[in-house]
N, C-alpha and C. Protein backbone atom coordinates (compact mmCIF):
# COMPACT_ATOMS: atom_id res chain seq x y z
N UNK A 1 12.71 -1.63 24.18
CA UNK A 1 12.94 -1.08 25.53
C UNK A 1 14.36 -0.38 25.46
N UNK A 2 14.42 0.74 24.84
CA UNK A 2 15.80 1.38 24.86
C UNK A 2 16.47 1.64 26.10
N UNK A 3 15.74 1.90 27.23
CA UNK A 3 16.33 2.28 28.50
C UNK A 3 17.11 1.15 28.96
N UNK A 4 16.79 -0.12 28.58
CA UNK A 4 17.53 -1.26 29.16
C UNK A 4 18.92 -1.41 28.38
N UNK A 5 19.06 -0.69 27.29
CA UNK A 5 20.29 -0.74 26.45
C UNK A 5 20.79 0.77 26.34
N UNK A 6 21.59 1.24 27.21
CA UNK A 6 22.09 2.70 27.13
C UNK A 6 22.82 2.88 25.90
N UNK A 7 23.42 1.91 25.20
CA UNK A 7 24.08 2.11 23.95
C UNK A 7 23.14 2.67 22.86
N UNK A 8 21.94 2.15 22.90
CA UNK A 8 20.95 2.57 21.86
C UNK A 8 20.77 4.09 21.99
N UNK A 9 20.61 4.56 23.17
CA UNK A 9 20.44 6.00 23.50
C UNK A 9 21.73 6.84 23.04
N UNK A 10 22.89 6.30 23.26
CA UNK A 10 24.08 6.91 22.86
C UNK A 10 24.08 6.85 21.37
N UNK A 11 23.82 5.85 20.64
CA UNK A 11 23.88 5.78 19.23
C UNK A 11 22.70 6.77 18.60
N UNK A 12 21.59 6.83 19.24
CA UNK A 12 20.64 7.81 18.81
C UNK A 12 21.23 9.27 18.87
N UNK A 13 21.90 9.63 19.95
CA UNK A 13 22.53 10.89 20.19
C UNK A 13 23.58 11.18 19.05
N UNK A 14 24.31 10.25 18.81
CA UNK A 14 25.29 10.30 17.75
C UNK A 14 24.67 10.51 16.31
N UNK A 15 23.65 9.71 16.02
CA UNK A 15 22.97 9.84 14.78
C UNK A 15 22.21 11.18 14.67
N UNK A 16 21.73 11.82 15.81
CA UNK A 16 21.13 13.05 15.71
C UNK A 16 22.05 14.16 15.29
N UNK A 17 23.37 13.94 15.28
CA UNK A 17 24.43 14.94 14.91
C UNK A 17 24.68 14.64 13.39
N UNK A 18 24.13 13.63 12.78
CA UNK A 18 24.34 13.32 11.39
C UNK A 18 23.21 13.43 10.48
N UNK A 19 22.09 14.05 10.96
CA UNK A 19 20.96 14.24 10.27
C UNK A 19 20.47 15.73 10.51
N UNK A 20 19.87 16.29 9.54
CA UNK A 20 19.34 17.72 9.79
C UNK A 20 17.82 17.61 10.00
N UNK A 21 17.37 18.71 10.61
CA UNK A 21 15.91 18.88 10.89
C UNK A 21 15.25 18.94 9.60
N UNK A 22 15.83 19.61 8.66
CA UNK A 22 15.19 19.63 7.38
C UNK A 22 15.02 18.31 6.68
N UNK A 23 16.02 17.39 6.77
CA UNK A 23 15.88 16.05 6.16
C UNK A 23 14.91 15.27 7.00
N UNK A 24 14.75 15.39 8.22
CA UNK A 24 13.71 14.70 8.92
C UNK A 24 12.32 15.07 8.57
N UNK A 25 12.13 16.44 8.29
CA UNK A 25 10.80 16.91 7.99
C UNK A 25 10.43 16.50 6.54
N UNK A 26 11.36 16.35 5.76
CA UNK A 26 11.11 15.77 4.31
C UNK A 26 10.70 14.33 4.20
N UNK A 27 10.82 13.59 5.21
CA UNK A 27 10.46 12.18 5.18
C UNK A 27 9.04 12.12 5.06
N UNK A 28 8.59 11.42 4.05
CA UNK A 28 7.14 11.37 3.65
C UNK A 28 6.24 10.85 4.86
N UNK A 29 6.85 9.91 5.49
CA UNK A 29 6.07 9.33 6.64
C UNK A 29 5.88 10.44 7.74
N UNK A 30 6.99 11.07 8.02
CA UNK A 30 6.95 12.13 9.02
C UNK A 30 6.02 13.28 8.64
N UNK A 31 6.15 13.60 7.39
CA UNK A 31 5.30 14.79 6.89
C UNK A 31 3.79 14.38 7.06
N UNK A 32 3.48 13.05 6.74
CA UNK A 32 2.11 12.70 6.88
C UNK A 32 1.70 12.80 8.30
N UNK A 33 2.47 12.30 9.15
CA UNK A 33 2.15 12.33 10.60
C UNK A 33 2.00 13.81 11.17
N UNK A 34 2.90 14.65 10.70
CA UNK A 34 2.90 16.12 11.16
C UNK A 34 1.49 16.68 10.80
N UNK A 35 1.02 16.37 9.57
CA UNK A 35 -0.26 16.84 8.98
C UNK A 35 -1.36 16.27 9.82
N UNK A 36 -1.25 14.93 10.05
CA UNK A 36 -2.39 14.15 10.73
C UNK A 36 -2.59 14.68 12.21
N UNK A 37 -1.45 15.08 12.78
CA UNK A 37 -1.52 15.54 14.14
C UNK A 37 -1.71 16.94 14.29
N UNK A 38 -1.74 17.70 13.10
CA UNK A 38 -1.95 19.14 13.18
C UNK A 38 -0.93 20.02 13.77
N UNK A 39 0.32 19.56 13.70
CA UNK A 39 1.46 20.23 14.28
C UNK A 39 1.76 21.65 13.75
N UNK A 40 1.62 21.68 12.45
CA UNK A 40 1.99 22.87 11.73
C UNK A 40 3.42 23.14 11.84
N UNK A 41 3.92 24.25 12.38
CA UNK A 41 5.33 24.50 12.60
C UNK A 41 5.62 24.28 14.13
N UNK A 42 4.71 23.81 14.90
CA UNK A 42 4.97 23.54 16.32
C UNK A 42 5.11 22.06 16.57
N UNK A 43 6.24 21.59 15.79
CA UNK A 43 6.64 20.08 15.86
C UNK A 43 7.45 19.95 17.17
N UNK A 44 7.03 19.04 17.95
CA UNK A 44 7.83 18.71 19.29
C UNK A 44 9.19 18.00 18.75
N UNK A 45 10.28 18.44 19.41
CA UNK A 45 11.56 17.97 19.02
C UNK A 45 11.60 16.48 19.21
N UNK A 46 11.01 15.90 20.21
CA UNK A 46 10.94 14.50 20.45
C UNK A 46 10.32 13.64 19.28
N UNK A 47 9.42 14.24 18.65
CA UNK A 47 8.67 13.69 17.50
C UNK A 47 9.73 13.50 16.38
N UNK A 48 10.54 14.53 16.14
CA UNK A 48 11.55 14.52 15.06
C UNK A 48 12.64 13.50 15.39
N UNK A 49 12.80 13.28 16.78
CA UNK A 49 13.94 12.34 17.21
C UNK A 49 13.58 10.90 17.05
N UNK A 50 12.34 10.73 16.94
CA UNK A 50 11.89 9.18 16.93
C UNK A 50 12.29 8.42 15.77
N UNK A 51 12.30 9.06 14.46
CA UNK A 51 12.90 8.20 13.41
C UNK A 51 14.41 8.04 13.61
N UNK A 52 15.09 8.91 14.23
CA UNK A 52 16.49 8.69 14.49
C UNK A 52 16.71 7.60 15.46
N UNK A 53 15.85 7.47 16.49
CA UNK A 53 15.89 6.39 17.37
C UNK A 53 15.60 5.06 16.69
N UNK A 54 14.66 5.13 15.81
CA UNK A 54 14.39 3.86 14.97
C UNK A 54 15.64 3.49 14.25
N UNK A 55 16.42 4.46 13.60
CA UNK A 55 17.57 4.25 12.96
C UNK A 55 18.68 3.58 13.70
N UNK A 56 18.73 4.09 14.97
CA UNK A 56 19.66 3.48 15.94
C UNK A 56 19.32 2.06 16.30
N UNK A 57 18.04 1.85 16.46
CA UNK A 57 17.47 0.52 16.80
C UNK A 57 17.96 -0.47 15.62
N UNK A 58 17.75 -0.13 14.42
CA UNK A 58 18.13 -0.99 13.31
C UNK A 58 19.60 -1.20 13.09
N UNK A 59 20.39 0.05 13.13
CA UNK A 59 21.70 -0.04 12.91
C UNK A 59 22.65 -0.80 14.05
N UNK A 60 22.12 -0.49 15.26
CA UNK A 60 22.85 -1.15 16.45
C UNK A 60 23.08 -2.60 16.40
N UNK A 61 21.96 -3.21 15.80
CA UNK A 61 22.03 -4.72 15.72
C UNK A 61 22.47 -5.23 14.31
N UNK A 62 22.97 -4.23 13.64
CA UNK A 62 23.58 -4.50 12.20
C UNK A 62 22.53 -5.23 11.37
N UNK A 63 21.23 -4.85 11.49
CA UNK A 63 20.23 -5.45 10.66
C UNK A 63 20.36 -5.01 9.15
N UNK A 64 20.19 -6.03 8.36
CA UNK A 64 20.37 -5.85 6.91
C UNK A 64 19.05 -5.98 6.14
N UNK A 65 18.03 -6.60 6.92
CA UNK A 65 16.77 -6.81 6.37
C UNK A 65 15.75 -6.61 7.33
N UNK A 66 14.88 -5.54 7.17
CA UNK A 66 13.98 -5.15 8.22
C UNK A 66 12.47 -5.19 7.70
N UNK A 67 11.72 -6.15 8.22
CA UNK A 67 10.28 -6.25 7.88
C UNK A 67 9.39 -4.96 8.31
N UNK A 68 8.90 -4.22 7.25
CA UNK A 68 8.17 -3.00 7.57
C UNK A 68 7.04 -3.00 6.50
N UNK A 69 6.05 -2.17 6.88
CA UNK A 69 5.06 -1.75 5.89
C UNK A 69 5.55 -0.87 4.89
N UNK A 70 4.81 -0.71 3.74
CA UNK A 70 5.34 0.12 2.65
C UNK A 70 5.45 1.55 3.14
N UNK A 71 4.65 2.08 4.11
CA UNK A 71 4.79 3.41 4.48
C UNK A 71 5.97 3.66 5.34
N UNK A 72 6.74 2.64 5.86
CA UNK A 72 7.95 2.79 6.54
C UNK A 72 9.22 2.66 5.74
N UNK A 73 9.08 2.41 4.43
CA UNK A 73 10.25 2.33 3.53
C UNK A 73 11.13 3.63 3.64
N UNK A 74 10.61 4.82 3.70
CA UNK A 74 11.36 6.02 3.80
C UNK A 74 12.15 6.09 5.11
N UNK A 75 11.65 5.53 6.12
CA UNK A 75 12.42 5.36 7.43
C UNK A 75 13.73 4.51 7.17
N UNK A 76 13.62 3.45 6.41
CA UNK A 76 14.77 2.69 6.19
C UNK A 76 15.77 3.40 5.35
N UNK A 77 15.32 4.04 4.41
CA UNK A 77 16.23 4.90 3.51
C UNK A 77 16.95 5.94 4.40
N UNK A 78 16.12 6.58 5.28
CA UNK A 78 16.70 7.65 6.07
C UNK A 78 17.77 6.96 7.03
N UNK A 79 17.48 5.81 7.52
CA UNK A 79 18.51 4.95 8.38
C UNK A 79 19.77 4.80 7.49
N UNK A 80 19.59 4.37 6.20
CA UNK A 80 20.73 4.22 5.45
C UNK A 80 21.61 5.46 5.19
N UNK A 81 20.86 6.59 5.01
CA UNK A 81 21.61 7.73 4.72
C UNK A 81 22.47 8.13 6.01
N UNK A 82 21.91 7.92 7.21
CA UNK A 82 22.63 8.18 8.44
C UNK A 82 23.82 7.28 8.56
N UNK A 83 23.63 5.96 8.22
CA UNK A 83 24.70 5.04 8.25
C UNK A 83 25.76 5.33 7.36
N UNK A 84 25.35 5.72 6.15
CA UNK A 84 26.41 6.19 5.16
C UNK A 84 27.20 7.30 5.50
N UNK A 85 26.52 8.29 6.23
CA UNK A 85 27.24 9.49 6.67
C UNK A 85 28.22 9.12 7.90
N UNK A 86 27.83 8.23 8.73
CA UNK A 86 28.70 7.69 9.76
C UNK A 86 29.86 6.94 9.17
N UNK A 87 29.67 6.05 8.26
CA UNK A 87 30.75 5.34 7.69
C UNK A 87 31.76 6.18 6.90
N UNK A 88 31.25 7.24 6.30
CA UNK A 88 32.10 8.23 5.73
C UNK A 88 32.99 8.91 6.77
N UNK A 89 32.30 9.24 7.94
CA UNK A 89 33.02 9.87 9.01
C UNK A 89 34.17 9.05 9.49
N UNK A 90 33.95 7.78 9.70
CA UNK A 90 34.96 6.89 10.32
C UNK A 90 35.95 6.36 9.26
N UNK A 91 35.62 6.42 7.98
CA UNK A 91 36.44 6.03 6.90
C UNK A 91 36.47 4.58 6.55
N UNK A 92 35.43 3.92 7.07
CA UNK A 92 35.19 2.45 6.61
C UNK A 92 33.83 2.04 7.00
N UNK A 93 33.41 0.87 6.48
CA UNK A 93 32.13 0.37 6.79
C UNK A 93 31.94 -0.07 8.26
N UNK A 94 31.48 0.71 9.11
CA UNK A 94 31.37 0.25 10.51
C UNK A 94 30.02 -0.37 10.69
N UNK A 95 29.02 0.20 10.01
CA UNK A 95 27.67 -0.40 10.12
C UNK A 95 27.15 -0.68 8.74
N UNK A 96 26.31 -1.76 8.61
CA UNK A 96 25.74 -2.06 7.32
C UNK A 96 24.54 -1.31 7.01
N UNK A 97 24.28 -1.19 5.64
CA UNK A 97 22.86 -0.65 5.31
C UNK A 97 21.84 -1.61 5.37
N UNK A 98 20.66 -1.33 5.57
CA UNK A 98 19.43 -2.15 5.76
C UNK A 98 18.59 -2.15 4.44
N UNK A 99 17.94 -3.21 4.22
CA UNK A 99 16.97 -3.24 3.13
C UNK A 99 15.57 -3.54 3.71
N UNK A 100 14.52 -2.80 3.16
CA UNK A 100 13.21 -3.00 3.73
C UNK A 100 12.66 -4.34 3.16
N UNK A 101 12.02 -5.13 3.99
CA UNK A 101 11.22 -6.31 3.49
C UNK A 101 9.80 -5.90 3.69
N UNK A 102 9.19 -5.62 2.43
CA UNK A 102 7.86 -5.17 2.41
C UNK A 102 6.93 -6.30 1.92
N UNK A 103 5.95 -6.70 2.70
CA UNK A 103 5.13 -7.75 2.28
C UNK A 103 4.17 -7.39 1.05
N UNK A 104 3.63 -8.43 0.46
CA UNK A 104 2.84 -8.09 -0.70
C UNK A 104 1.73 -6.96 -0.39
N UNK A 105 1.08 -7.15 0.74
CA UNK A 105 0.16 -6.13 1.14
C UNK A 105 0.94 -5.26 2.16
N UNK A 106 1.40 -4.03 1.51
CA UNK A 106 2.28 -3.24 2.16
C UNK A 106 1.78 -2.37 3.37
N UNK A 107 0.48 -2.30 3.42
CA UNK A 107 -0.05 -1.55 4.67
C UNK A 107 -1.47 -2.28 5.02
N UNK A 108 -1.52 -2.58 6.24
CA UNK A 108 -2.89 -3.12 6.75
C UNK A 108 -3.62 -2.12 7.40
N UNK A 109 -4.99 -2.26 7.12
CA UNK A 109 -5.89 -1.25 7.75
C UNK A 109 -5.97 -1.46 9.24
N UNK A 110 -6.32 -0.50 9.93
CA UNK A 110 -6.59 -0.67 11.39
C UNK A 110 -7.84 -1.62 11.69
N UNK A 111 -7.95 -1.97 12.93
CA UNK A 111 -9.06 -2.84 13.19
C UNK A 111 -10.46 -2.23 12.97
N UNK A 112 -10.38 -0.85 12.92
CA UNK A 112 -11.59 -0.11 12.64
C UNK A 112 -11.93 -0.03 11.14
N UNK A 113 -10.99 -0.61 10.27
CA UNK A 113 -11.11 -0.74 8.92
C UNK A 113 -10.96 0.61 8.13
N UNK A 114 -10.69 1.69 8.84
CA UNK A 114 -10.73 3.06 8.10
C UNK A 114 -9.37 3.57 7.79
N UNK A 115 -8.27 3.36 8.59
CA UNK A 115 -7.01 3.95 8.40
C UNK A 115 -5.94 2.93 8.38
N UNK A 116 -4.72 3.26 8.37
CA UNK A 116 -3.61 2.34 8.50
C UNK A 116 -3.58 1.89 9.98
N UNK A 117 -3.09 0.73 10.17
CA UNK A 117 -2.97 0.24 11.58
C UNK A 117 -1.87 0.99 12.32
N UNK A 118 -2.14 1.52 13.49
CA UNK A 118 -1.35 2.37 14.22
C UNK A 118 -1.64 2.24 15.60
N UNK A 119 -0.56 2.13 16.49
CA UNK A 119 -0.88 2.20 17.95
C UNK A 119 -1.25 3.60 18.33
N UNK A 120 -0.63 4.62 17.81
CA UNK A 120 -0.97 6.01 18.17
C UNK A 120 -2.33 6.39 17.76
N UNK A 121 -2.97 5.74 16.80
CA UNK A 121 -4.29 5.99 16.37
C UNK A 121 -5.33 5.09 17.12
N UNK A 122 -4.78 4.19 17.93
CA UNK A 122 -5.69 3.32 18.76
C UNK A 122 -6.43 2.24 17.93
N UNK A 123 -5.96 1.93 16.84
CA UNK A 123 -6.63 0.96 15.95
C UNK A 123 -5.68 -0.14 15.58
N UNK A 124 -4.73 -0.46 16.38
CA UNK A 124 -3.82 -1.67 16.06
C UNK A 124 -4.38 -2.88 16.72
N UNK A 125 -4.05 -4.05 16.07
CA UNK A 125 -4.37 -5.30 16.58
C UNK A 125 -3.27 -5.78 17.52
N UNK A 126 -3.60 -5.91 18.77
CA UNK A 126 -2.54 -6.20 19.83
C UNK A 126 -2.92 -7.60 20.35
N UNK A 127 -2.57 -8.73 19.80
CA UNK A 127 -2.85 -10.02 20.38
C UNK A 127 -2.26 -10.36 21.67
N UNK A 128 -1.26 -9.58 22.11
CA UNK A 128 -0.54 -9.99 23.31
C UNK A 128 -0.78 -8.93 24.46
N UNK A 129 -1.88 -8.23 24.29
CA UNK A 129 -2.20 -7.21 25.32
C UNK A 129 -2.49 -7.80 26.65
N UNK A 130 -1.93 -7.27 27.69
CA UNK A 130 -2.19 -7.69 29.08
C UNK A 130 -3.60 -7.36 29.43
N UNK A 131 -4.48 -8.30 29.50
CA UNK A 131 -5.91 -8.07 29.71
C UNK A 131 -6.15 -7.44 31.03
N UNK A 132 -5.22 -7.63 31.96
CA UNK A 132 -5.39 -6.78 33.33
C UNK A 132 -5.28 -5.38 33.13
N UNK A 133 -4.54 -4.99 32.04
CA UNK A 133 -4.34 -3.47 31.88
C UNK A 133 -5.20 -2.86 30.82
N UNK A 134 -5.63 -3.78 29.90
CA UNK A 134 -6.55 -3.34 28.85
C UNK A 134 -7.77 -4.15 28.73
N UNK A 135 -8.86 -3.76 29.36
CA UNK A 135 -10.08 -4.59 29.46
C UNK A 135 -10.58 -4.99 28.16
N UNK A 136 -10.20 -4.41 27.02
CA UNK A 136 -10.81 -4.80 25.72
C UNK A 136 -10.10 -6.10 25.33
N UNK A 137 -8.94 -6.44 25.87
CA UNK A 137 -8.20 -7.54 25.38
C UNK A 137 -7.53 -7.46 24.05
N UNK A 138 -7.06 -8.40 23.46
CA UNK A 138 -6.26 -8.19 22.31
C UNK A 138 -7.10 -8.11 20.99
N UNK A 139 -7.97 -9.12 20.67
CA UNK A 139 -8.61 -9.11 19.42
C UNK A 139 -10.07 -8.53 19.43
N UNK A 140 -10.48 -7.99 20.49
CA UNK A 140 -11.96 -7.62 20.64
C UNK A 140 -12.29 -6.55 19.66
N UNK A 141 -11.46 -5.66 19.31
CA UNK A 141 -11.78 -4.62 18.40
C UNK A 141 -12.13 -5.13 16.94
N UNK A 142 -11.41 -6.14 16.54
CA UNK A 142 -11.63 -6.74 15.39
C UNK A 142 -13.02 -7.30 15.22
N UNK A 143 -13.69 -7.64 16.17
CA UNK A 143 -15.00 -8.20 16.26
C UNK A 143 -16.13 -7.39 16.61
N UNK A 144 -15.99 -6.04 16.60
CA UNK A 144 -17.00 -5.11 16.96
C UNK A 144 -18.26 -5.13 16.05
N UNK A 145 -18.05 -5.34 14.86
CA UNK A 145 -19.15 -5.34 13.87
C UNK A 145 -19.72 -6.78 13.72
N UNK A 146 -20.98 -6.74 13.39
CA UNK A 146 -21.58 -8.08 13.12
C UNK A 146 -21.01 -8.52 11.84
N UNK A 147 -20.94 -9.91 11.43
CA UNK A 147 -21.44 -10.96 12.20
C UNK A 147 -20.40 -11.43 13.29
N UNK A 148 -20.83 -12.11 14.25
CA UNK A 148 -20.01 -12.61 15.37
C UNK A 148 -19.55 -14.00 15.24
N UNK A 149 -20.37 -14.74 14.52
CA UNK A 149 -20.15 -16.24 14.40
C UNK A 149 -20.07 -16.56 12.80
N UNK A 150 -19.34 -17.68 12.58
CA UNK A 150 -19.07 -18.03 11.15
C UNK A 150 -20.41 -18.40 10.59
N UNK A 151 -21.39 -18.69 11.33
CA UNK A 151 -22.71 -18.99 10.72
C UNK A 151 -23.56 -17.78 10.47
N UNK A 152 -23.22 -16.71 10.96
CA UNK A 152 -23.94 -15.40 10.82
C UNK A 152 -23.67 -14.90 9.29
N UNK A 153 -24.63 -14.38 8.60
CA UNK A 153 -24.48 -13.92 7.27
C UNK A 153 -23.54 -12.53 7.39
N UNK A 154 -22.76 -12.33 6.36
CA UNK A 154 -21.85 -11.24 6.39
C UNK A 154 -21.32 -10.85 5.11
N UNK A 155 -20.46 -9.93 4.99
CA UNK A 155 -19.86 -9.49 3.75
C UNK A 155 -18.44 -9.70 3.87
N UNK A 156 -17.83 -10.24 2.86
CA UNK A 156 -16.32 -10.39 2.81
C UNK A 156 -15.61 -9.01 2.60
N UNK A 157 -16.26 -8.14 1.77
CA UNK A 157 -15.65 -6.94 1.32
C UNK A 157 -15.42 -5.92 2.54
N UNK A 158 -16.24 -5.99 3.48
CA UNK A 158 -16.17 -5.03 4.67
C UNK A 158 -15.62 -5.60 5.82
N UNK A 159 -15.18 -6.88 5.84
CA UNK A 159 -14.66 -7.56 6.96
C UNK A 159 -13.15 -7.51 6.97
N UNK A 160 -12.64 -6.73 8.00
CA UNK A 160 -11.16 -6.41 8.02
C UNK A 160 -10.37 -7.72 8.34
N UNK A 161 -11.11 -8.72 9.00
CA UNK A 161 -10.48 -9.99 9.30
C UNK A 161 -9.96 -10.72 8.04
N UNK A 162 -10.79 -10.57 6.94
CA UNK A 162 -10.37 -11.17 5.75
C UNK A 162 -9.09 -10.50 5.14
N UNK A 163 -9.06 -9.19 5.37
CA UNK A 163 -7.74 -8.50 4.85
C UNK A 163 -6.56 -9.03 5.49
N UNK A 164 -6.68 -9.29 6.84
CA UNK A 164 -5.50 -9.69 7.53
C UNK A 164 -5.33 -11.13 7.01
N UNK A 165 -6.27 -11.97 6.88
CA UNK A 165 -6.00 -13.38 6.47
C UNK A 165 -5.37 -13.37 5.11
N UNK A 166 -5.84 -12.48 4.26
CA UNK A 166 -5.23 -12.39 2.94
C UNK A 166 -3.74 -11.96 2.94
N UNK A 167 -3.42 -11.21 4.01
CA UNK A 167 -2.04 -10.68 4.12
C UNK A 167 -1.17 -11.84 4.81
N UNK A 168 -1.62 -12.61 5.73
CA UNK A 168 -0.79 -13.46 6.47
C UNK A 168 -1.08 -14.97 6.35
N UNK A 169 -2.19 -15.33 5.90
CA UNK A 169 -2.39 -16.84 5.87
C UNK A 169 -1.89 -17.38 4.47
N UNK A 170 -0.80 -18.35 4.60
CA UNK A 170 -0.37 -18.87 3.43
C UNK A 170 -1.34 -19.95 2.71
N UNK A 171 -2.24 -20.33 3.35
CA UNK A 171 -3.26 -21.30 2.84
C UNK A 171 -4.39 -20.53 2.00
N UNK A 172 -4.14 -20.17 0.85
CA UNK A 172 -5.07 -19.32 0.02
C UNK A 172 -6.37 -20.20 -0.16
N UNK A 173 -6.25 -21.45 -0.26
CA UNK A 173 -7.42 -22.23 -0.46
C UNK A 173 -8.38 -22.19 0.70
N UNK A 174 -7.74 -22.29 1.85
CA UNK A 174 -8.61 -22.10 3.22
C UNK A 174 -9.26 -20.78 3.27
N UNK A 175 -8.49 -19.75 2.93
CA UNK A 175 -9.11 -18.41 3.07
C UNK A 175 -10.26 -18.25 2.06
N UNK A 176 -9.98 -18.79 0.74
CA UNK A 176 -11.08 -18.71 -0.09
C UNK A 176 -12.33 -19.49 0.29
N UNK A 177 -12.10 -20.66 0.98
CA UNK A 177 -13.29 -21.36 1.40
C UNK A 177 -13.99 -20.59 2.51
N UNK A 178 -13.27 -19.95 3.38
CA UNK A 178 -13.88 -19.06 4.42
C UNK A 178 -14.70 -17.98 3.79
N UNK A 179 -14.13 -17.45 2.78
CA UNK A 179 -14.91 -16.25 2.07
C UNK A 179 -16.18 -16.79 1.45
N UNK A 180 -16.05 -18.00 0.80
CA UNK A 180 -17.25 -18.53 0.20
C UNK A 180 -18.24 -18.84 1.14
N UNK A 181 -17.84 -19.30 2.43
CA UNK A 181 -18.73 -19.81 3.40
C UNK A 181 -19.55 -18.46 3.92
């Protein structure tokens, strides 16, 4: 919630003066999104400002380790480029560089099982959704396909829940037992 911290908006504005449009467009994550959204050359300025706001979010809190999916690693590198440029401008290390902490499974599929998980694509798992505002609730999308009960026959390969368990459950034996079941 950047509006609650005006300094984040101010840092974003400062950072916008330290990065070029061409550099923002070369970011692989941004290039992919430009294509996916069909922008062509009609790219909204706010869309290009978003990664700079992310950079401000990271740098403002002097984060040195940022947990991200593999597809977000270019955002961290871009953040570091901006931070290096700022540090050169002021003549000393004002802000530290950050390192991406990428889990073994660098990208999780969306709850639809087809694409990467993304709020903008409407296929993110949101366990803390306010049920009063979103009638689907948090985890309902994950359970759209059969089987609905652990006793129902099913397939491990096509069940996105097992993908999530593989990524986050440290008890490999318990996950293997569920798969066998």
